[in-house]
Amino acid sequence: MEKETVKSIHKIAVLTSGGDAPGMNATIRSIVRAGIDSGLSVYGIEDGYRGLVEGRVYEMDRNAVTNIINRGGTILGSARLPEFSKDEVAQIAVEQLHNRGIEAVITIGGDGTYRGALKLTQMGINCVGVPGTIDNDIASTEFTIGFDTAVNTAVDAIDKLRDTSNSHQRCSIVEVMGRYCGDIAYAAALATGADLVITSETGFDLNEVIDTVKRCQGHKSRHVLIVITEHVTDVMELAKKIKEYTGFDARATILGHIQRGGSPSPFDRVLATRLGAEAARAILEGDFGCMVGTKNQEIIRVPLSEVAGKLKYVDPKASIIKEAKTIGISFGDE
């Protein structure tokens, strides 16, 4: 696509879609400030693609993003709209943008957000994406906004559970988010010294779980820590089976959406600010139909076509897994 000149873009909009992630507000702040400082009018779209279809769009100024860099969630709100995949629904969104003279849209979110952005791009709307999801499952970027904060939240909770687990000689099973990508589980397990990690990538083997608990018993361990991602198995039932087969008291804790909330970590605030500024820069340079991400700590741009519908998975040969095995952490399918 031929790049447009800076002068051809006057109005841009920003939306957040899908699951919220700590750092989204910092991204919005960066986009609004960078856009206004470059002479653009910046509009906020409420509740993602649903708000765009319904025409809930308003102009933002610098005051609109004051004191939000440290806030979790998203001041624009977020919602899911599966119907956006239909041409007739997406066309309504296109008309809403045309009616307001908005020439480009920056979308912040996960895979569903990128599929929506790609559809808008195919319908002639200038789009740039920013990866915002705690699961860190977006292809072509090392980190997504919110992942680091979610790991910190999980680690803090696991550390607290370890205290009571050790006191009562108990096996703690902690379910974290990351349905398709086990990055949260791997990072949290490595940071807390877990005994076993189970994710969608490793698969689930009950015999391996029982063997791990028995091995820890043989080492006279006062506690056992298992970190598992959501949707792999029923963790409450798993706790019952561990107690039945090993005699070791077991309790399951589901962290759930607590991992989505809270003030973003410094890492996420810096990442969000950098990616937001780069997204605005891409708009100014006429580089549309791309996602901004990171590779080797540098900011990169990747075509949306290489991102939408292509989730990232953890390679079983990844260095983080090798390092975890080196210090004795077991995995669900071994």
Protein backbone atom coordinates (compact mmCIF):
# COMPACT_ATOMS: atom_id res chain seq x y z
CA MET A 1 0.00 0.00 0.00
CA GLU A 2 1.37 3.39 -0.96
CA LYS A 3 2.20 5.55 2.05
CA GLU A 4 0.23 8.74 2.51
CA THR A 5 1.88 11.98 3.51
CA VAL A 6 1.66 13.39 7.02
CA LYS A 7 -0.59 16.22 5.85
CA SER A 8 -3.23 13.81 4.50
CA ILE A 9 -4.15 12.61 8.02
CA HIS A 10 -5.96 15.02 10.31
CA LYS A 11 -8.22 12.89 12.51
CA ILE A 12 -7.44 9.57 14.16
CA ALA A 13 -9.29 7.40 16.66
CA VAL A 14 -8.25 4.83 19.26
CA LEU A 15 -10.17 1.88 20.71
CA THR A 16 -9.56 -0.98 23.14
CA SER A 17 -11.17 -4.33 22.46
CA GLY A 18 -11.46 -7.80 23.97
CA GLY A 19 -10.13 -8.57 27.43
CA ASP A 20 -8.70 -5.59 29.28
CA ALA A 21 -5.03 -5.57 30.24
CA PRO A 22 -3.01 -3.39 32.66
CA GLY A 23 -1.20 -0.78 30.58
CA MET A 24 -4.01 -0.09 28.11
CA ASN A 25 -4.57 3.32 29.71
CA ALA A 26 -0.87 4.12 29.43
CA THR A 27 -1.10 3.24 25.73
CA ILE A 28 -4.13 5.48 25.22
CA ARG A 29 -2.31 8.31 26.99
CA SER A 30 0.74 7.92 24.77
CA ILE A 31 -1.33 7.86 21.56
CA VAL A 32 -3.39 10.91 22.52
CA ARG A 33 -0.37 12.96 23.58
CA ALA A 34 1.74 11.96 20.57
CA GLY A 35 -1.14 12.62 18.20
CA ILE A 36 -2.06 16.02 19.60
CA ASP A 37 1.59 17.10 19.75
CA SER A 38 1.82 16.23 16.04
CA GLY A 39 -1.21 18.36 15.17
CA LEU A 40 -3.78 15.57 14.92
CA SER A 41 -7.29 15.49 16.35
CA VAL A 42 -7.64 12.31 18.42
CA TYR A 43 -10.95 10.59 19.10
CA GLY A 44 -11.78 7.89 21.62
CA ILE A 45 -14.13 5.05 20.76
CA GLU A 46 -16.04 3.58 23.70
CA ASP A 47 -16.33 -0.19 24.21
CA GLY A 48 -14.34 -1.32 21.20
CA TYR A 49 -15.96 -2.30 17.91
CA ARG A 50 -19.39 -2.34 19.54
CA GLY A 51 -19.06 1.32 20.47
CA LEU A 52 -17.76 2.12 16.98
CA VAL A 53 -20.77 0.48 15.34
CA GLU A 54 -23.08 2.33 17.73
CA GLY A 55 -21.33 5.64 17.08
CA ARG A 56 -20.06 6.24 20.61
CA VAL A 57 -17.09 8.34 19.58
CA TYR A 58 -15.80 11.53 21.22
CA GLU A 59 -12.85 13.87 20.82
CA MET A 60 -10.10 13.64 23.43
CA ASP A 61 -7.70 16.29 24.66
CA ARG A 62 -4.64 16.10 26.91
CA ASN A 63 -6.80 16.49 30.02
CA ALA A 64 -8.71 13.35 29.07
CA VAL A 65 -5.61 11.26 29.65
CA THR A 66 -4.25 13.00 32.74
CA ASN A 67 -3.50 10.72 35.71
CA ILE A 68 -4.29 7.47 33.90
CA ILE A 69 -0.80 6.06 33.29
CA ASN A 70 -0.94 4.14 36.60
CA ARG A 71 -4.54 2.92 36.27
CA GLY A 72 -5.51 -0.61 35.30
CA GLY A 73 -8.35 -1.43 32.91
CA THR A 74 -9.23 0.97 30.12
CA ILE A 75 -10.95 4.35 30.36
CA LEU A 76 -12.46 3.73 26.92
CA GLY A 77 -14.09 0.50 28.01
CA SER A 78 -14.02 -2.79 26.14
CA ALA A 79 -16.55 -5.22 24.73
CA ARG A 80 -16.67 -8.18 22.40
CA LEU A 81 -18.65 -8.09 19.15
CA PRO A 82 -18.49 -11.43 17.28
CA GLU A 83 -20.89 -10.02 14.68
CA PHE A 84 -18.16 -7.66 13.51
CA SER A 85 -16.93 -10.46 11.23
CA LYS A 86 -20.03 -9.85 9.08
CA ASP A 87 -19.54 -7.38 6.23
CA GLU A 88 -22.82 -5.58 6.90
CA VAL A 89 -21.84 -4.91 10.54
CA ALA A 90 -18.30 -3.80 9.70
CA GLN A 91 -19.72 -1.51 7.00
CA ILE A 92 -21.67 0.36 9.67
CA ALA A 93 -18.38 0.99 11.49
CA VAL A 94 -16.80 2.25 8.28
CA GLU A 95 -19.67 4.69 7.79
CA GLN A 96 -19.39 5.93 11.38
CA LEU A 97 -15.74 6.77 10.75
CA HIS A 98 -16.41 8.41 7.38
CA ASN A 99 -19.24 10.51 8.85
CA ARG A 100 -16.81 11.98 11.37
CA GLY A 101 -13.94 12.43 8.96
CA ILE A 102 -11.75 10.01 10.92
CA GLU A 103 -8.99 8.80 8.62
CA ALA A 104 -7.17 6.22 10.74
CA VAL A 105 -7.79 3.97 13.74
CA ILE A 106 -5.38 2.56 16.32
CA THR A 107 -6.67 -0.65 17.88
CA ILE A 108 -5.39 -2.00 21.20
CA GLY A 109 -6.09 -5.62 22.11
CA GLY A 110 -5.53 -9.26 21.31
CA ASP A 111 -6.22 -11.60 18.42
CA GLY A 112 -9.91 -10.74 18.03
CA THR A 113 -8.96 -7.08 17.91
CA TYR A 114 -6.51 -7.77 15.08
CA ARG A 115 -9.02 -9.74 13.09
CA GLY A 116 -11.32 -6.72 13.35
CA ALA A 117 -8.51 -4.34 12.39
CA LEU A 118 -7.61 -6.50 9.38
CA LYS A 119 -11.23 -6.48 8.26
CA LEU A 120 -11.38 -2.69 8.50
CA THR A 121 -8.10 -2.48 6.58
CA GLN A 122 -9.54 -4.66 3.83
CA MET A 123 -12.54 -2.30 3.69
CA GLY A 124 -10.31 0.71 3.12
CA ILE A 125 -9.81 2.00 6.68
CA ASN A 126 -6.26 2.89 7.76
CA CYS A 127 -5.46 0.81 10.85
CA VAL A 128 -2.50 0.25 13.17
CA GLY A 129 -2.58 -2.30 15.98
CA VAL A 130 -1.02 -2.36 19.43
CA PRO A 131 -0.77 -5.72 21.29
CA GLY A 132 -2.62 -5.52 24.59
CA THR A 133 -3.38 -8.86 26.26
CA ILE A 134 -2.11 -10.49 29.46
CA ASP A 135 -1.70 -13.90 27.77
CA ASN A 136 1.28 -12.76 25.65
CA ASP A 137 -0.12 -14.91 22.83
CA ILE A 138 0.15 -12.48 19.91
CA ALA A 139 2.31 -13.67 17.04
CA SER A 140 5.32 -11.62 15.92
CA THR A 141 5.96 -9.76 19.18
CA GLU A 142 8.00 -10.78 22.21
CA PHE A 143 5.80 -9.02 24.74
CA THR A 144 2.24 -7.78 24.91
CA ILE A 145 1.02 -4.98 27.17
CA GLY A 146 -0.28 -6.42 30.44
CA PHE A 147 1.69 -9.67 30.47
CA ASP A 148 4.35 -8.51 32.93
CA THR A 149 1.75 -7.16 35.35
CA ALA A 150 -0.24 -10.41 35.17
CA VAL A 151 2.88 -12.42 35.97
CA ASN A 152 3.61 -10.15 38.94
CA THR A 153 0.05 -10.64 40.20
CA ALA A 154 0.32 -14.42 39.85
CA VAL A 155 3.70 -14.52 41.59
CA ASP A 156 2.44 -12.42 44.49
CA ALA A 157 -0.54 -14.76 44.97
CA ILE A 158 1.59 -17.90 44.69
CA ASP A 159 4.10 -16.57 47.23
CA LYS A 160 1.25 -16.08 49.71
CA LEU A 161 -0.12 -19.57 49.03
CA ARG A 162 3.35 -21.03 49.55
CA ASP A 163 3.41 -19.68 53.10
CA THR A 164 0.21 -21.43 54.14
CA SER A 165 0.99 -24.52 52.05
CA ASN A 166 4.30 -24.96 53.84
CA SER A 167 2.70 -24.42 57.23
CA HIS A 168 0.09 -27.14 56.65
CA GLN A 169 2.17 -29.59 54.55
CA ARG A 170 -0.07 -29.16 51.55
CA CYS A 171 0.01 -29.42 47.78
CA SER A 172 -1.11 -26.14 46.20
CA ILE A 173 -2.51 -26.22 42.68
CA VAL A 174 -2.67 -22.72 41.20
CA GLU A 175 -4.62 -22.12 37.99
CA VAL A 176 -3.45 -19.10 36.01
CA MET A 177 -4.73 -17.57 32.79
CA GLY A 178 -3.28 -18.30 29.36
CA ARG A 179 -5.64 -20.66 27.59
CA TYR A 180 -3.56 -21.07 24.43
CA CYS A 181 -0.15 -19.75 25.47
CA GLY A 182 1.56 -20.87 28.68
CA ASP A 183 3.83 -17.86 29.11
CA ILE A 184 2.21 -16.73 32.38
CA ALA A 185 2.46 -20.22 33.84
CA TYR A 186 6.09 -20.71 32.80
CA ALA A 187 7.22 -17.31 34.08
CA ALA A 188 5.29 -17.60 37.35
CA ALA A 189 6.52 -21.14 37.95
CA LEU A 190 10.13 -20.19 37.35
CA ALA A 191 9.81 -17.15 39.64
CA THR A 192 8.22 -19.09 42.50
CA GLY A 193 10.15 -22.36 42.34
CA ALA A 194 7.19 -24.53 41.34
CA ASP A 195 7.53 -28.30 41.23
CA LEU A 196 5.34 -28.90 38.17
CA VAL A 197 4.01 -26.82 35.26
CA ILE A 198 1.03 -27.90 33.15
CA THR A 199 -0.08 -25.93 30.09
CA SER A 200 -1.91 -26.47 26.82
CA GLU A 201 1.51 -26.94 25.20
CA THR A 202 2.69 -29.66 27.62
CA GLY A 203 -0.59 -31.51 27.78
CA PHE A 204 -1.92 -33.17 30.93
CA ASP A 205 -0.91 -36.55 32.36
CA LEU A 206 -2.38 -37.49 35.74
CA ASN A 207 0.32 -40.11 36.30
CA GLU A 208 3.01 -37.44 35.93
CA VAL A 209 1.24 -35.28 38.51
CA ILE A 210 1.00 -38.14 41.00
CA ASP A 211 4.63 -39.16 40.40
CA THR A 212 5.78 -35.56 40.98
CA VAL A 213 3.91 -35.32 44.29
CA LYS A 214 5.28 -38.69 45.43
CA ARG A 215 8.80 -37.66 44.43
CA CYS A 216 8.45 -34.50 46.54
CA GLN A 217 7.19 -36.63 49.44
CA GLY A 218 10.29 -38.79 49.07
CA HIS A 219 12.41 -35.66 49.41
CA LYS A 220 10.58 -34.86 52.68
CA SER A 221 9.11 -31.69 51.15
CA ARG A 222 6.60 -29.88 53.35
CA HIS A 223 4.75 -28.53 50.34
CA VAL A 224 4.27 -29.11 46.61
CA LEU A 225 3.47 -26.35 44.12
CA ILE A 226 1.77 -27.03 40.80
CA VAL A 227 1.08 -24.21 38.32
CA ILE A 228 -1.48 -24.97 35.61
CA THR A 229 -3.16 -22.94 32.89
CA GLU A 230 -6.93 -22.61 32.57
CA HIS A 231 -9.04 -25.09 30.57
CA VAL A 232 -6.52 -27.94 30.87
CA THR A 233 -8.38 -29.91 33.54
CA ASP A 234 -10.74 -29.43 36.50
CA VAL A 235 -8.30 -28.34 39.20
CA MET A 236 -10.75 -29.03 42.02
CA GLU A 237 -11.06 -32.64 40.89
CA LEU A 238 -7.30 -32.82 40.45
CA ALA A 239 -6.82 -31.81 44.08
CA LYS A 240 -9.13 -34.63 45.18
CA LYS A 241 -7.23 -37.21 43.09
CA ILE A 242 -3.87 -36.07 44.47
CA LYS A 243 -5.13 -36.57 48.01
CA GLU A 244 -6.69 -39.92 47.09
CA TYR A 245 -3.57 -41.33 45.39
CA THR A 246 -0.84 -39.83 47.59
CA GLY A 247 -2.44 -39.01 50.93
CA PHE A 248 -0.94 -35.51 50.63
CA ASP A 249 -3.48 -32.79 51.39
CA ALA A 250 -4.16 -30.77 48.24
CA ARG A 251 -6.00 -27.51 47.60
CA ALA A 252 -6.73 -25.74 44.31
CA THR A 253 -6.83 -21.98 43.82
CA ILE A 254 -8.13 -20.33 40.65
CA LEU A 255 -6.67 -16.84 40.27
CA GLY A 256 -9.04 -15.94 37.44
CA HIS A 257 -9.67 -12.35 36.44
CA ILE A 258 -7.70 -10.94 39.38
CA GLN A 259 -4.77 -11.27 36.96
CA ARG A 260 -6.34 -8.73 34.60
CA GLY A 261 -6.63 -5.95 37.15
CA GLY A 262 -4.35 -3.72 39.15
CA SER A 263 -1.91 -0.94 38.44
CA PRO A 264 0.43 -1.78 35.53
CA SER A 265 4.02 -2.62 36.37
CA PRO A 266 6.79 -0.16 35.41
CA PHE A 267 7.77 -2.53 32.58
CA ASP A 268 4.23 -2.44 31.16
CA ARG A 269 3.99 1.34 31.52
CA VAL A 270 7.22 1.82 29.57
CA LEU A 271 6.23 -0.76 26.94
CA ALA A 272 2.78 0.79 26.56
CA THR A 273 4.20 4.28 26.19
CA ARG A 274 6.73 3.18 23.58
CA LEU A 275 4.23 1.18 21.54
CA GLY A 276 1.59 3.92 21.71
CA ALA A 277 4.07 6.51 20.45
CA GLU A 278 5.21 4.17 17.68
CA ALA A 279 1.61 3.56 16.61
CA ALA A 280 1.04 7.30 16.29
CA ARG A 281 4.31 7.59 14.38
CA ALA A 282 3.21 4.85 11.97
CA ILE A 283 0.00 6.79 11.30
CA LEU A 284 1.94 9.98 10.63
CA GLU A 285 4.24 8.14 8.24
CA GLY A 286 1.31 6.56 6.41
CA ASP A 287 2.42 3.05 7.38
CA PHE A 288 -1.00 1.44 7.71
CA GLY A 289 -2.16 -2.16 8.05
CA CYS A 290 0.53 -3.03 10.59
CA MET A 291 0.98 -3.94 14.23
CA VAL A 292 3.70 -2.43 16.39
CA GLY A 293 5.53 -4.89 18.63
CA THR A 294 8.93 -5.77 20.05
CA LYS A 295 11.85 -7.94 18.99
CA ASN A 296 15.12 -8.04 20.90
CA GLN A 297 13.84 -5.06 22.94
CA GLU A 298 13.49 -2.95 19.78
CA ILE A 299 10.18 -1.66 18.42
CA ILE A 300 9.13 -3.28 15.16
CA ARG A 301 6.20 -3.13 12.74
CA VAL A 302 4.55 -6.27 11.39
CA PRO A 303 1.80 -6.53 8.72
CA LEU A 304 -1.61 -7.26 10.28
CA SER A 305 -1.99 -10.15 7.86
CA GLU A 306 0.90 -11.87 9.65
CA VAL A 307 -0.72 -11.37 13.06
CA ALA A 308 -4.50 -11.80 12.81
CA GLY A 309 -5.62 -15.35 13.56
CA LYS A 310 -2.08 -16.55 14.31
CA LEU A 311 -1.65 -17.11 18.03
CA LYS A 312 1.78 -17.60 19.59
CA TYR A 313 2.59 -20.79 21.46
CA VAL A 314 5.52 -21.69 23.68
CA ASP A 315 8.01 -23.92 21.90
CA PRO A 316 8.83 -26.98 24.06
CA LYS A 317 12.48 -26.35 23.16
CA ALA A 318 12.38 -22.72 24.33
CA SER A 319 15.20 -21.63 26.61
CA ILE A 320 12.88 -20.84 29.53
CA ILE A 321 11.73 -24.48 29.55
CA LYS A 322 15.28 -25.82 29.34
CA GLU A 323 16.29 -23.58 32.25
CA ALA A 324 13.28 -24.66 34.28
CA LYS A 325 14.11 -28.33 33.75
CA THR A 326 17.71 -27.69 34.76
CA ILE A 327 16.61 -26.60 38.24
CA GLY A 328 14.19 -29.50 38.65
CA ILE A 329 10.82 -28.17 37.51
CA SER A 330 8.75 -30.92 35.89
CA PHE A 331 6.27 -30.58 33.04
CA GLY A 332 2.83 -32.07 32.58
CA ASP A 333 3.59 -34.65 29.90
CA GLU A 334 6.88 -36.09 31.17
